[in-house]
PDB file of N, CA and C in Angstrom:
ATOM      1  N   UNK A   1      -8.415  36.812  -3.565  1.00  0.00           N
ATOM      2  CA  UNK A   1      -7.904  35.724  -2.734  1.00  0.00           C
ATOM      3  C   UNK A   1      -6.890  35.033  -3.224  1.00  0.00           C
ATOM      4  N   UNK A   2      -5.702  34.805  -2.620  1.00  0.00           N
ATOM      5  CA  UNK A   2      -4.606  34.131  -3.142  1.00  0.00           C
ATOM      6  C   UNK A   2      -4.940  32.632  -3.142  1.00  0.00           C
ATOM      7  N   UNK A   3      -4.012  31.888  -3.788  1.00  0.00           N
ATOM      8  CA  UNK A   3      -4.012  30.454  -3.906  1.00  0.00           C
ATOM      9  C   UNK A   3      -3.918  29.787  -2.582  1.00  0.00           C
ATOM     10  N   UNK A   4      -2.873  30.477  -1.638  1.00  0.00           N
ATOM     11  CA  UNK A   4      -2.607  30.143  -0.280  1.00  0.00           C
ATOM     12  C   UNK A   4      -3.806  30.413   0.655  1.00  0.00           C
ATOM     13  N   UNK A   5      -4.463  31.613   0.442  1.00  0.00           N
ATOM     14  CA  UNK A   5      -5.831  31.871   1.158  1.00  0.00           C
ATOM     15  C   UNK A   5      -6.786  30.737   0.857  1.00  0.00           C
ATOM     16  N   UNK A   6      -6.973  30.395  -0.436  1.00  0.00           N
ATOM     17  CA  UNK A   6      -7.784  29.430  -0.670  1.00  0.00           C
ATOM     18  C   UNK A   6      -7.722  28.118   0.038  1.00  0.00           C
ATOM     19  N   UNK A   7      -6.269  27.745  -0.057  1.00  0.00           N
ATOM     20  CA  UNK A   7      -5.864  26.547   0.569  1.00  0.00           C
ATOM     21  C   UNK A   7      -6.201  26.490   2.196  1.00  0.00           C
ATOM     22  N   UNK A   8      -5.811  27.518   2.480  1.00  0.00           N
ATOM     23  CA  UNK A   8      -6.284  27.782   4.074  1.00  0.00           C
ATOM     24  C   UNK A   8      -7.553  27.568   4.438  1.00  0.00           C
ATOM     25  N   UNK A   9      -8.533  28.159   3.523  1.00  0.00           N
ATOM     26  CA  UNK A   9      -9.929  28.087   3.680  1.00  0.00           C
ATOM     27  C   UNK A   9     -10.324  26.522   3.694  1.00  0.00           C
ATOM     28  N   UNK A  10      -9.849  25.812   2.626  1.00  0.00           N
ATOM     29  CA  UNK A  10     -10.198  24.472   2.493  1.00  0.00           C
ATOM     30  C   UNK A  10      -9.846  23.752   3.826  1.00  0.00           C
ATOM     31  N   UNK A  11      -8.704  23.958   4.414  1.00  0.00           N
ATOM     32  CA  UNK A  11      -8.259  23.268   5.466  1.00  0.00           C
ATOM     33  C   UNK A  11      -9.242  23.575   6.577  1.00  0.00           C
ATOM     34  N   UNK A  12      -9.331  24.951   6.940  1.00  0.00           N
ATOM     35  CA  UNK A  12     -10.099  25.475   8.024  1.00  0.00           C
ATOM     36  C   UNK A  12     -11.597  25.098   8.196  1.00  0.00           C
ATOM     37  N   UNK A  13     -12.231  24.588   6.894  1.00  0.00           N
ATOM     38  CA  UNK A  13     -13.368  24.114   6.943  1.00  0.00           C
ATOM     39  C   UNK A  13     -13.511  22.761   7.231  1.00  0.00           C
ATOM     40  N   UNK A  14     -12.416  21.980   7.499  1.00  0.00           N
ATOM     41  CA  UNK A  14     -12.353  20.581   7.981  1.00  0.00           C
ATOM     42  C   UNK A  14     -12.613  20.558   9.308  1.00  0.00           C
ATOM     43  N   UNK A  15     -13.617  19.718   9.890  1.00  0.00           N
ATOM     44  CA  UNK A  15     -14.153  19.595  11.298  1.00  0.00           C
ATOM     45  C   UNK A  15     -12.797  19.281  12.329  1.00  0.00           C
ATOM     46  N   UNK A  16     -12.628  20.102  13.266  1.00  0.00           N
ATOM     47  CA  UNK A  16     -11.559  19.941  14.066  1.00  0.00           C
ATOM     48  C   UNK A  16     -10.180  20.439  13.658  1.00  0.00           C
ATOM     49  N   UNK A  17     -10.104  20.964  12.595  1.00  0.00           N
ATOM     50  CA  UNK A  17      -8.809  21.332  12.038  1.00  0.00           C
ATOM     51  C   UNK A  17      -8.366  22.526  12.838  1.00  0.00           C
ATOM     52  N   UNK A  18      -6.868  22.564  13.031  1.00  0.00           N
ATOM     53  CA  UNK A  18      -6.405  23.728  13.815  1.00  0.00           C
ATOM     54  C   UNK A  18      -5.192  24.072  13.047  1.00  0.00           C
ATOM     55  N   UNK A  19      -4.870  25.347  12.968  1.00  0.00           N
ATOM     56  CA  UNK A  19      -3.651  25.862  12.130  1.00  0.00           C
ATOM     57  C   UNK A  19      -2.751  26.418  13.297  1.00  0.00           C
ATOM     58  N   UNK A  20      -1.449  26.299  12.909  1.00  0.00           N
ATOM     59  CA  UNK A  20      -0.401  26.519  13.890  1.00  0.00           C
ATOM     60  C   UNK A  20       0.942  27.002  12.993  1.00  0.00           C
ATOM     61  N   UNK A  21       2.037  27.594  13.560  1.00  0.00           N
ATOM     62  CA  UNK A  21       3.159  27.748  12.892  1.00  0.00           C
ATOM     63  C   UNK A  21       4.184  27.387  14.071  1.00  0.00           C
ATOM     64  N   UNK A  22       4.571  25.960  13.958  1.00  0.00           N
ATOM     65  CA  UNK A  22       5.620  25.393  15.037  1.00  0.00           C
ATOM     66  C   UNK A  22       6.744  25.897  14.802  1.00  0.00           C
ATOM     67  N   UNK A  23       7.309  26.508  13.821  1.00  0.00           N
ATOM     68  CA  UNK A  23       8.644  26.908  13.446  1.00  0.00           C
ATOM     69  C   UNK A  23       8.857  28.295  13.457  1.00  0.00           C
ATOM     70  N   UNK A  24       7.655  29.045  13.630  1.00  0.00           N
ATOM     71  CA  UNK A  24       7.810  30.532  13.536  1.00  0.00           C
ATOM     72  C   UNK A  24       8.377  31.043  12.496  1.00  0.00           C
ATOM     73  N   UNK A  25       7.929  30.569  11.364  1.00  0.00           N
ATOM     74  CA  UNK A  25       8.734  30.983   9.940  1.00  0.00           C
ATOM     75  C   UNK A  25       7.753  31.127   8.909  1.00  0.00           C
ATOM     76  N   UNK A  26       6.395  31.581   9.162  1.00  0.00           N
ATOM     77  CA  UNK A  26       5.452  31.720   8.175  1.00  0.00           C
ATOM     78  C   UNK A  26       4.731  30.514   7.681  1.00  0.00           C
ATOM     79  N   UNK A  27       4.738  29.372   8.438  1.00  0.00           N
ATOM     80  CA  UNK A  27       4.170  28.283   7.964  1.00  0.00           C
ATOM     81  C   UNK A  27       2.779  28.084   8.404  1.00  0.00           C
ATOM     82  N   UNK A  28       1.925  27.537   7.434  1.00  0.00           N
ATOM     83  CA  UNK A  28       0.441  27.146   7.855  1.00  0.00           C
ATOM     84  C   UNK A  28       0.580  25.545   8.062  1.00  0.00           C
ATOM     85  N   UNK A  29       0.519  25.409   9.253  1.00  0.00           N
ATOM     86  CA  UNK A  29       0.670  23.924   9.548  1.00  0.00           C
ATOM     87  C   UNK A  29      -0.811  23.399  10.197  1.00  0.00           C
ATOM     88  N   UNK A  30      -1.485  22.500   9.440  1.00  0.00           N
ATOM     89  CA  UNK A  30      -2.830  22.094   9.691  1.00  0.00           C
ATOM     90  C   UNK A  30      -2.870  20.862  10.315  1.00  0.00           C
ATOM     91  N   UNK A  31      -3.531  20.756  11.485  1.00  0.00           N
ATOM     92  CA  UNK A  31      -3.522  19.518  12.257  1.00  0.00           C
ATOM     93  C   UNK A  31      -4.974  18.907  12.474  1.00  0.00           C
ATOM     94  N   UNK A  32      -5.144  17.792  12.972  1.00  0.00           N
ATOM     95  CA  UNK A  32      -6.302  17.224  13.214  1.00  0.00           C
ATOM     96  C   UNK A  32      -5.805  16.204  14.606  1.00  0.00           C
ATOM     97  N   UNK A  33      -6.542  16.629  15.789  1.00  0.00           N
ATOM     98  CA  UNK A  33      -6.063  15.704  16.820  1.00  0.00           C
ATOM     99  C   UNK A  33      -4.543  15.831  17.267  1.00  0.00           C
ATOM    100  N   UNK A  34      -3.913  16.921  16.932  1.00  0.00           N
ATOM    101  CA  UNK A  34      -2.399  17.130  17.119  1.00  0.00           C
ATOM    102  C   UNK A  34      -1.670  16.468  16.190  1.00  0.00           C
ATOM    103  N   UNK A  35      -2.128  15.909  15.165  1.00  0.00           N
ATOM    104  CA  UNK A  35      -1.398  15.287  14.009  1.00  0.00           C
ATOM    105  C   UNK A  35      -1.366  16.175  12.836  1.00  0.00           C
ATOM    106  N   UNK A  36      -0.282  16.594  12.036  1.00  0.00           N
ATOM    107  CA  UNK A  36      -0.351  17.306  10.740  1.00  0.00           C
ATOM    108  C   UNK A  36      -1.024  16.552   9.782  1.00  0.00           C
ATOM    109  N   UNK A  37      -1.805  17.235   8.942  1.00  0.00           N
ATOM    110  CA  UNK A  37      -2.328  16.560   7.617  1.00  0.00           C
ATOM    111  C   UNK A  37      -2.086  17.621   6.460  1.00  0.00           C
ATOM    112  N   UNK A  38      -1.694  18.789   6.604  1.00  0.00           N
ATOM    113  CA  UNK A  38      -1.177  19.461   5.662  1.00  0.00           C
ATOM    114  C   UNK A  38      -0.326  20.836   6.027  1.00  0.00           C
ATOM    115  N   UNK A  39       0.664  21.162   5.209  1.00  0.00           N
ATOM    116  CA  UNK A  39       1.652  22.029   5.670  1.00  0.00           C
ATOM    117  C   UNK A  39       1.899  22.937   4.310  1.00  0.00           C
ATOM    118  N   UNK A  40       1.770  24.214   4.609  1.00  0.00           N
ATOM    119  CA  UNK A  40       2.001  25.269   3.446  1.00  0.00           C
ATOM    120  C   UNK A  40       3.166  26.268   4.142  1.00  0.00           C
ATOM    121  N   UNK A  41       4.041  26.512   3.295  1.00  0.00           N
ATOM    122  CA  UNK A  41       5.075  27.351   3.894  1.00  0.00           C
ATOM    123  C   UNK A  41       6.627  27.026   3.660  1.00  0.00           C
ATOM    124  N   UNK A  42       6.926  25.734   3.571  1.00  0.00           N
ATOM    125  CA  UNK A  42       8.303  25.444   3.500  1.00  0.00           C
ATOM    126  C   UNK A  42       8.835  25.818   1.942  1.00  0.00           C
ATOM    127  N   UNK A  43       8.106  25.760   1.117  1.00  0.00           N
ATOM    128  CA  UNK A  43       8.206  26.170  -0.251  1.00  0.00           C
ATOM    129  C   UNK A  43       6.932  26.225  -0.891  1.00  0.00           C
ATOM    130  N   UNK A  44       6.709  27.186  -1.792  1.00  0.00           N
ATOM    131  CA  UNK A  44       5.186  27.428  -2.305  1.00  0.00           C
ATOM    132  C   UNK A  44       4.665  26.206  -2.829  1.00  0.00           C
ATOM    133  N   UNK A  45       3.446  26.038  -2.184  1.00  0.00           N
ATOM    134  CA  UNK A  45       2.782  24.539  -2.462  1.00  0.00           C
ATOM    135  C   UNK A  45       2.202  24.118  -1.045  1.00  0.00           C
ATOM    136  N   UNK A  46       1.580  23.058  -1.087  1.00  0.00           N
ATOM    137  CA  UNK A  46       0.814  22.492  -0.029  1.00  0.00           C
ATOM    138  C   UNK A  46       1.340  20.872  -0.085  1.00  0.00           C
ATOM    139  N   UNK A  47       1.770  20.637   1.391  1.00  0.00           N
ATOM    140  CA  UNK A  47       2.306  19.176   1.484  1.00  0.00           C
ATOM    141  C   UNK A  47       1.107  18.484   2.117  1.00  0.00           C
ATOM    142  N   UNK A  48       0.976  17.231   1.382  1.00  0.00           N
ATOM    143  CA  UNK A  48      -0.200  16.276   2.097  1.00  0.00           C
ATOM    144  C   UNK A  48       0.259  14.783   2.117  1.00  0.00           C
ATOM    145  N   UNK A  49      -0.340  14.249   2.995  1.00  0.00           N
ATOM    146  CA  UNK A  49       0.057  12.570   3.065  1.00  0.00           C
ATOM    147  C   UNK A  49      -0.898  11.820   2.177  1.00  0.00           C
ATOM    148  N   UNK A  50      -0.177  10.882   1.467  1.00  0.00           N
ATOM    149  CA  UNK A  50      -0.933  10.006   0.601  1.00  0.00           C
ATOM    150  C   UNK A  50      -0.997   8.636   1.354  1.00  0.00           C
ATOM    151  N   UNK A  51      -1.916   7.567   0.866  1.00  0.00           N
ATOM    152  CA  UNK A  51      -2.136   6.460   1.484  1.00  0.00           C
ATOM    153  C   UNK A  51      -0.951   5.653   1.759  1.00  0.00           C
ATOM    154  N   UNK A  52       0.081   5.688   0.692  1.00  0.00           N
ATOM    155  CA  UNK A  52       1.294   5.049   0.870  1.00  0.00           C
ATOM    156  C   UNK A  52       2.162   5.458  -0.138  1.00  0.00           C
ATOM    157  N   UNK A  53       3.412   4.974  -0.267  1.00  0.00           N
ATOM    158  CA  UNK A  53       4.537   5.450  -1.033  1.00  0.00           C
ATOM    159  C   UNK A  53       4.234   5.412  -2.417  1.00  0.00           C
ATOM    160  N   UNK A  54       3.575   4.228  -2.983  1.00  0.00           N
ATOM    161  CA  UNK A  54       3.083   3.967  -4.318  1.00  0.00           C
ATOM    162  C   UNK A  54       2.341   5.079  -4.755  1.00  0.00           C
ATOM    163  N   UNK A  55       1.306   5.341  -3.996  1.00  0.00           N
ATOM    164  CA  UNK A  55       0.426   6.450  -4.313  1.00  0.00           C
ATOM    165  C   UNK A  55       1.153   7.750  -4.626  1.00  0.00           C
ATOM    166  N   UNK A  56       1.998   8.164  -3.716  1.00  0.00           N
ATOM    167  CA  UNK A  56       2.855   9.409  -3.845  1.00  0.00           C
ATOM    168  C   UNK A  56       3.670   9.287  -5.156  1.00  0.00           C
ATOM    169  N   UNK A  57       4.108   8.177  -5.709  1.00  0.00           N
ATOM    170  CA  UNK A  57       4.826   8.136  -6.745  1.00  0.00           C
ATOM    171  C   UNK A  57       4.079   8.127  -7.861  1.00  0.00           C
ATOM    172  N   UNK A  58       2.956   7.714  -7.871  1.00  0.00           N
ATOM    173  CA  UNK A  58       1.820   7.892  -8.960  1.00  0.00           C
ATOM    174  C   UNK A  58       1.426   9.399  -9.308  1.00  0.00           C
ATOM    175  N   UNK A  59       1.325  10.047  -8.030  1.00  0.00           N
ATOM    176  CA  UNK A  59       0.856  11.386  -8.168  1.00  0.00           C
ATOM    177  C   UNK A  59       2.002  12.286  -8.795  1.00  0.00           C
ATOM    178  N   UNK A  60       3.299  11.900  -8.365  1.00  0.00           N
ATOM    179  CA  UNK A  60       4.391  12.607  -8.847  1.00  0.00           C
ATOM    180  C   UNK A  60       4.440  12.449 -10.320  1.00  0.00           C
ATOM    181  N   UNK A  61       4.006  11.253 -10.904  1.00  0.00           N
ATOM    182  CA  UNK A  61       4.297  11.045 -12.243  1.00  0.00           C
ATOM    183  C   UNK A  61       3.007  11.456 -13.250  1.00  0.00           C
ATOM    184  N   UNK A  62       1.861  11.862 -12.394  1.00  0.00           N
ATOM    185  CA  UNK A  62       0.482  12.209 -13.158  1.00  0.00           C
ATOM    186  C   UNK A  62      -0.101  13.541 -12.821  1.00  0.00           C
ATOM    187  N   UNK A  63       0.189  14.094 -11.853  1.00  0.00           N
ATOM    188  CA  UNK A  63      -0.380  15.491 -11.499  1.00  0.00           C
ATOM    189  C   UNK A  63       0.621  16.496 -11.232  1.00  0.00           C
ATOM    190  N   UNK A  64       1.684  16.434 -11.372  1.00  0.00           N
ATOM    191  CA  UNK A  64       2.622  17.333 -11.217  1.00  0.00           C
ATOM    192  C   UNK A  64       3.108  17.564  -9.806  1.00  0.00           C
ATOM    193  N   UNK A  65       2.814  16.492  -8.982  1.00  0.00           N
ATOM    194  CA  UNK A  65       3.144  16.640  -7.630  1.00  0.00           C
ATOM    195  C   UNK A  65       4.686  16.326  -7.417  1.00  0.00           C
ATOM    196  N   UNK A  66       5.131  16.872  -6.268  1.00  0.00           N
ATOM    197  CA  UNK A  66       6.648  16.754  -6.078  1.00  0.00           C
ATOM    198  C   UNK A  66       6.836  15.977  -4.641  1.00  0.00           C
ATOM    199  N   UNK A  67       8.098  15.413  -4.749  1.00  0.00           N
ATOM    200  CA  UNK A  67       8.355  14.835  -3.422  1.00  0.00           C
ATOM    201  C   UNK A  67       8.482  15.870  -2.267  1.00  0.00           C
ATOM    202  N   UNK A  68       7.730  15.833  -1.277  1.00  0.00           N
ATOM    203  CA  UNK A  68       7.731  16.785  -0.174  1.00  0.00           C
ATOM    204  C   UNK A  68       9.031  16.870   0.716  1.00  0.00           C
ATOM    205  N   UNK A  69       9.851  17.792   0.683  1.00  0.00           N
ATOM    206  CA  UNK A  69      11.138  17.901   1.141  1.00  0.00           C
ATOM    207  C   UNK A  69      10.847  17.732   2.940  1.00  0.00           C
ATOM    208  N   UNK A  70      11.748  16.991   3.422  1.00  0.00           N
ATOM    209  CA  UNK A  70      11.710  16.601   4.825  1.00  0.00           C
ATOM    210  C   UNK A  70      10.779  15.819   5.464  1.00  0.00           C
ATOM    211  N   UNK A  71       9.881  15.207   4.570  1.00  0.00           N
ATOM    212  CA  UNK A  71       9.011  14.411   4.926  1.00  0.00           C
ATOM    213  C   UNK A  71       9.127  12.830   4.481  1.00  0.00           C
ATOM    214  N   UNK A  72       8.347  12.021   5.011  1.00  0.00           N
ATOM    215  CA  UNK A  72       8.248  10.510   4.552  1.00  0.00           C
ATOM    216  C   UNK A  72       7.954  10.563   3.068  1.00  0.00           C
ATOM    217  N   UNK A  73       8.293   9.650   2.307  1.00  0.00           N
ATOM    218  CA  UNK A  73       8.204   9.529   0.886  1.00  0.00           C
ATOM    219  C   UNK A  73       6.464   9.212   0.637  1.00  0.00           C
ATOM    220  N   UNK A  74       5.736   9.156   1.579  1.00  0.00           N
ATOM    221  CA  UNK A  74       4.260   8.996   1.467  1.00  0.00           C
ATOM    222  C   UNK A  74       3.644  10.384   1.491  1.00  0.00           C
ATOM    223  N   UNK A  75       4.459  11.348   1.494  1.00  0.00           N
ATOM    224  CA  UNK A  75       4.004  12.800   1.429  1.00  0.00           C
ATOM    225  C   UNK A  75       4.468  13.395  -0.131  1.00  0.00           C
ATOM    226  N   UNK A  76       3.528  14.266  -0.360  1.00  0.00           N
ATOM    227  CA  UNK A  76       3.783  15.050  -1.747  1.00  0.00           C
ATOM    228  C   UNK A  76       3.622  16.552  -1.583  1.00  0.00           C
ATOM    229  N   UNK A  77       4.217  17.077  -2.456  1.00  0.00           N
ATOM    230  CA  UNK A  77       3.949  18.723  -2.347  1.00  0.00           C
ATOM    231  C   UNK A  77       3.234  18.891  -3.625  1.00  0.00           C
ATOM    232  N   UNK A  78       2.096  19.458  -3.654  1.00  0.00           N
ATOM    233  CA  UNK A  78       1.355  20.088  -4.717  1.00  0.00           C
ATOM    234  C   UNK A  78       1.868  21.476  -5.024  1.00  0.00           C
ATOM    235  N   UNK A  79       2.372  21.908  -5.981  1.00  0.00           N
ATOM    236  CA  UNK A  79       3.052  23.221  -6.109  1.00  0.00           C
ATOM    237  C   UNK A  79       1.929  24.244  -6.195  1.00  0.00           C
ATOM    238  N   UNK A  80       2.285  25.343  -5.740  1.00  0.00           N
ATOM    239  CA  UNK A  80       1.170  26.568  -5.862  1.00  0.00           C
ATOM    240  C   UNK A  80       0.720  26.520  -7.286  1.00  0.00           C
ATOM    241  N   UNK A  81      -0.626  26.994  -7.245  1.00  0.00           N
ATOM    242  CA  UNK A  81      -1.191  27.104  -8.557  1.00  0.00           C
ATOM    243  C   UNK A  81      -1.913  25.740  -8.942  1.00  0.00           C
ATOM    244  N   UNK A  82      -1.593  24.724  -8.259  1.00  0.00           N
ATOM    245  CA  UNK A  82      -2.271  23.478  -8.592  1.00  0.00           C
ATOM    246  C   UNK A  82      -3.806  23.645  -8.465  1.00  0.00           C
ATOM    247  N   UNK A  83      -4.570  23.036  -9.426  1.00  0.00           N
ATOM    248  CA  UNK A  83      -6.054  23.028  -9.514  1.00  0.00           C
ATOM    249  C   UNK A  83      -6.536  23.061  -8.072  1.00  0.00           C
ATOM    250  N   UNK A  84      -7.464  23.950  -7.774  1.00  0.00           N
ATOM    251  CA  UNK A  84      -7.872  23.928  -6.519  1.00  0.00           C
ATOM    252  C   UNK A  84      -8.787  22.672  -6.139  1.00  0.00           C
ATOM    253  N   UNK A  85      -9.572  22.090  -7.111  1.00  0.00           N
ATOM    254  CA  UNK A  85     -10.467  20.867  -6.947  1.00  0.00           C
ATOM    255  C   UNK A  85      -9.479  19.748  -6.764  1.00  0.00           C
ATOM    256  N   UNK A  86      -8.278  19.610  -7.445  1.00  0.00           N
ATOM    257  CA  UNK A  86      -7.292  18.601  -7.208  1.00  0.00           C
ATOM    258  C   UNK A  86      -6.627  18.812  -5.720  1.00  0.00           C
ATOM    259  N   UNK A  87      -6.387  20.040  -5.353  1.00  0.00           N
ATOM    260  CA  UNK A  87      -5.706  20.320  -4.083  1.00  0.00           C
ATOM    261  C   UNK A  87      -6.744  19.887  -2.898  1.00  0.00           C
ATOM    262  N   UNK A  88      -8.220  20.376  -3.151  1.00  0.00           N
ATOM    263  CA  UNK A  88      -9.093  20.089  -2.220  1.00  0.00           C
ATOM    264  C   UNK A  88      -9.166  18.449  -2.029  1.00  0.00           C
ATOM    265  N   UNK A  89      -9.222  17.842  -2.976  1.00  0.00           N
ATOM    266  CA  UNK A  89      -9.434  16.328  -2.940  1.00  0.00           C
ATOM    267  C   UNK A  89      -8.157  15.778  -2.124  1.00  0.00           C
ATOM    268  N   UNK A  90      -7.107  16.204  -2.425  1.00  0.00           N
ATOM    269  CA  UNK A  90      -5.813  15.500  -1.787  1.00  0.00           C
ATOM    270  C   UNK A  90      -5.611  15.933  -0.320  1.00  0.00           C
ATOM    271  N   UNK A  91      -6.214  17.222  -0.028  1.00  0.00           N
ATOM    272  CA  UNK A  91      -6.250  17.792   1.377  1.00  0.00           C
ATOM    273  C   UNK A  91      -7.145  16.846   2.083  1.00  0.00           C
ATOM    274  N   UNK A  92      -8.367  16.604   1.525  1.00  0.00           N
ATOM    275  CA  UNK A  92      -9.264  15.693   2.188  1.00  0.00           C
ATOM    276  C   UNK A  92      -8.947  14.317   2.515  1.00  0.00           C
ATOM    277  N   UNK A  93      -8.364  13.838   1.602  1.00  0.00           N
ATOM    278  CA  UNK A  93      -7.760  12.540   1.669  1.00  0.00           C
ATOM    279  C   UNK A  93      -6.633  12.462   2.752  1.00  0.00           C
ATOM    280  N   UNK A  94      -5.810  13.429   2.860  1.00  0.00           N
ATOM    281  CA  UNK A  94      -4.939  13.586   3.755  1.00  0.00           C
ATOM    282  C   UNK A  94      -5.422  13.526   5.195  1.00  0.00           C
ATOM    283  N   UNK A  95      -6.481  14.552   5.286  1.00  0.00           N
ATOM    284  CA  UNK A  95      -7.135  14.709   6.434  1.00  0.00           C
ATOM    285  C   UNK A  95      -7.802  13.331   6.991  1.00  0.00           C
ATOM    286  N   UNK A  96      -8.434  12.768   6.175  1.00  0.00           N
ATOM    287  CA  UNK A  96      -9.055  11.255   6.447  1.00  0.00           C
ATOM    288  C   UNK A  96      -7.951  10.335   7.021  1.00  0.00           C
ATOM    289  N   UNK A  97      -6.841  10.197   6.293  1.00  0.00           N
ATOM    290  CA  UNK A  97      -5.917   9.290   6.576  1.00  0.00           C
ATOM    291  C   UNK A  97      -5.450   9.548   7.985  1.00  0.00           C
ATOM    292  N   UNK A  98      -5.073  10.851   8.373  1.00  0.00           N
ATOM    293  CA  UNK A  98      -4.493  11.235   9.643  1.00  0.00           C
ATOM    294  C   UNK A  98      -5.629  11.106  10.677  1.00  0.00           C
ATOM    295  N   UNK A  99      -6.816  11.456  10.451  1.00  0.00           N
ATOM    296  CA  UNK A  99      -7.796  11.467  11.347  1.00  0.00           C
ATOM    297  C   UNK A  99      -8.119   9.765  11.764  1.00  0.00           C
ATOM    298  N   UNK A 100      -8.047   9.208  10.808  1.00  0.00           N
ATOM    299  CA  UNK A 100      -8.493   7.661  10.984  1.00  0.00           C
ATOM    300  C   UNK A 100      -7.339   6.840  11.736  1.00  0.00           C
ATOM    301  N   UNK A 101      -6.116   7.674  11.826  1.00  0.00           N
ATOM    302  CA  UNK A 101      -4.984   6.999  12.596  1.00  0.00           C
ATOM    303  C   UNK A 101      -5.067   7.405  14.021  1.00  0.00           C
ATOM    304  N   UNK A 102      -5.953   8.397  14.413  1.00  0.00           N
ATOM    305  CA  UNK A 102      -6.030   8.812  15.900  1.00  0.00           C
ATOM    306  C   UNK A 102      -6.616   7.717  16.489  1.00  0.00           C
ATOM    307  N   UNK A 103      -6.427   7.740  17.818  1.00  0.00           N
ATOM    308  CA  UNK A 103      -7.032   6.885  18.798  1.00  0.00           C
ATOM    309  C   UNK A 103      -8.499   6.969  18.678  1.00  0.00           C
ATOM    310  N   UNK A 104      -9.257   5.928  19.093  1.00  0.00           N
ATOM    311  CA  UNK A 104     -10.649   5.851  18.913  1.00  0.00           C
ATOM    312  C   UNK A 104     -11.285   6.914  19.738  1.00  0.00           C
ATOM    313  N   UNK A 105     -10.635   7.001  21.051  1.00  0.00           N
ATOM    314  CA  UNK A 105     -11.169   8.058  21.897  1.00  0.00           C
ATOM    315  C   UNK A 105     -11.078   9.429  21.514  1.00  0.00           C
ATOM    316  N   UNK A 106      -9.933   9.730  20.760  1.00  0.00           N
ATOM    317  CA  UNK A 106      -9.662  11.173  20.266  1.00  0.00           C
ATOM    318  C   UNK A 106     -10.681  11.358  19.236  1.00  0.00           C
ATOM    319  N   UNK A 107     -10.976  10.235  18.182  1.00  0.00           N
ATOM    320  CA  UNK A 107     -11.592  10.377  17.266  1.00  0.00           C
ATOM    321  C   UNK A 107     -13.133  10.859  17.585  1.00  0.00           C
ATOM    322  N   UNK A 108     -13.638   9.916  18.707  1.00  0.00           N
ATOM    323  CA  UNK A 108     -14.885  10.306  19.209  1.00  0.00           C
ATOM    324  C   UNK A 108     -15.066  11.633  19.708  1.00  0.00           C
ATOM    325  N   UNK A 109     -14.120  12.165  20.150  1.00  0.00           N
ATOM    326  CA  UNK A 109     -14.140  13.771  20.810  1.00  0.00           C
ATOM    327  C   UNK A 109     -14.181  14.821  19.761  1.00  0.00           C
ATOM    328  N   UNK A 110     -13.835  14.308  18.468  1.00  0.00           N
ATOM    329  CA  UNK A 110     -13.770  15.167  17.389  1.00  0.00           C
ATOM    330  C   UNK A 110     -15.160  15.560  16.751  1.00  0.00           C
ATOM    331  N   UNK A 111     -15.296  16.783  16.076  1.00  0.00           N
ATOM    332  CA  UNK A 111     -16.486  17.019  15.299  1.00  0.00           C
ATOM    333  C   UNK A 111     -16.813  16.073  14.245  1.00  0.00           C
ATOM    334  N   UNK A 112     -18.135  15.577  14.094  1.00  0.00           N
ATOM    335  CA  UNK A 112     -18.283  14.657  13.006  1.00  0.00           C
ATOM    336  C   UNK A 112     -17.829  15.046  11.530  1.00  0.00           C
ATOM    337  N   UNK A 113     -17.379  14.060  10.739  1.00  0.00           N
ATOM    338  CA  UNK A 113     -16.760  14.388   9.451  1.00  0.00           C
ATOM    339  C   UNK A 113     -17.709  13.550   8.426  1.00  0.00           C
ATOM    340  N   UNK A 114     -18.351  14.184   7.399  1.00  0.00           N
ATOM    341  CA  UNK A 114     -19.127  13.391   6.629  1.00  0.00           C
ATOM    342  C   UNK A 114     -18.569  13.245   5.166  1.00  0.00           C
ATOM    343  N   UNK A 115     -17.310  13.607   5.078  1.00  0.00           N
ATOM    344  CA  UNK A 115     -16.397  13.283   3.915  1.00  0.00           C
ATOM    345  C   UNK A 115     -17.034  14.034   2.646  1.00  0.00           C
ATOM    346  N   UNK A 116     -17.344  15.297   2.761  1.00  0.00           N
ATOM    347  CA  UNK A 116     -17.740  16.174   1.566  1.00  0.00           C
ATOM    348  C   UNK A 116     -16.605  16.278   0.570  1.00  0.00           C
TER     349      UNK A 116
END
């Protein structure tokens, strides 16, 4: 199984996560409630949202994350080959951030998330 396959399996296991390719270019765009929480395919690696710009800057300084091209500065790109446990943690945090920003009505319609 490739690193990308592993990343897709992590994303697919999240309740209510949906995969699409909105630009028809081989992207794996993962969304919850219609909002993106992870993207693979622009460049090798996975783009995820951080809590804020400062967190993204710290990650760029400490875990080899990079600024995610075309995204707000609160997003980072974890290069392909990043430790899967680290990638899983960052994907889960991004998922929770995006999910918690959805309307209460939409959140209530989603499958439960226990934060594993």
